[in-house]
Amino acid sequence: MLTENHAFNSFNSLFSLHGNRGLILGVANDHSIAWGCARLMRQMGAEVVATCLNDKARAYVEPLTKSMGIDLVNCNVEDENALESLVKHAVDKLGGLDFVIHSIAWAPLEDLHGQVIDSSSAGFARAMEVSCHSFASLAKFCAPHMSAGGSLLTMTYLGADEAVPHYGLMGPVKAALESLVRYMALELGPKAIRVHAVSPGPIPTRAASGIASFDELMQSAINKSPLGRLVTLDEVAQLCAFLCTDASSGMTGQTIYVDAGCHAVG
């Protein structure tokens, strides 16, 4: 029979990241979802390697990561060699990986702000490469170093499932990403690697600022959501942390919403 103390400790261990090793891509500043995740997971006891795009971004990001003892690496995911080098660096630094968070989205502004039917082939392809296929490439490099299984997370949005005004090109790209998550879950399940797409409501991140009429999009979400507000960076990070703990061990292949209930309202 379990003692009360043993049961309490077992429960706590389910929700712990102490000693876990994580790679988090896409920190741009202190409003980034990637930063919210890195900060919380470090506070929960994980060792973390994080990335920013380049030296320009590094000037904003390094003071944040340095204060938390997080190793920071520049990485442009359009360069597959850089992605492979990043994973090697993280594995050398951490000794392996238990969770990976991909929080990167981008499209050329001229394609993002126009109609989907007017988008250029080159712009569409780059948006797909950066925002979608890079997650598959990342998994390819990371999976061999996740010997005990673990979690792979990426970020999506309701515009993958519904036609949201002004979201444009990113809607089809995120729809492809959500499908990719399901196929990756199928392929990596035998290795005990779980794969999810996290779908926050609108959050004023640097990536989101490129979307036309983003203020209108946020206000619409507030008006529509049952909770009558936007979600916070911390609330998104808390969901991601849960999905990286053993408490979520029976879950994979899902798109999970943290959007104040906006997705549930027609």
Foldseek 3Di string as FASTA:
>chain_A
DDDPVRVVVVVVQQLACALAEEEFEDDQACQALSLLQVQVNLVRHYAYEYEHADPVSCVRCVVSCVVSVYHYDHADLVDLVRLLVVLVVSCVVSVFHAEYEAEWFDFPLVQLQDALVPHDPVRLVVRLSTQAVSLVSNCVNRLVRNQQAFEYEYEAECLLVPVDPQRHSRNVSRVNRLVVQQVVQVVCVVSLHAYEYEYFQDGPDPRLVSGPPSVVSQCVLLVQAPQNHGDGSNQSSSVVSSRGGNVVSPDHSYYHYDGNRNSVGD
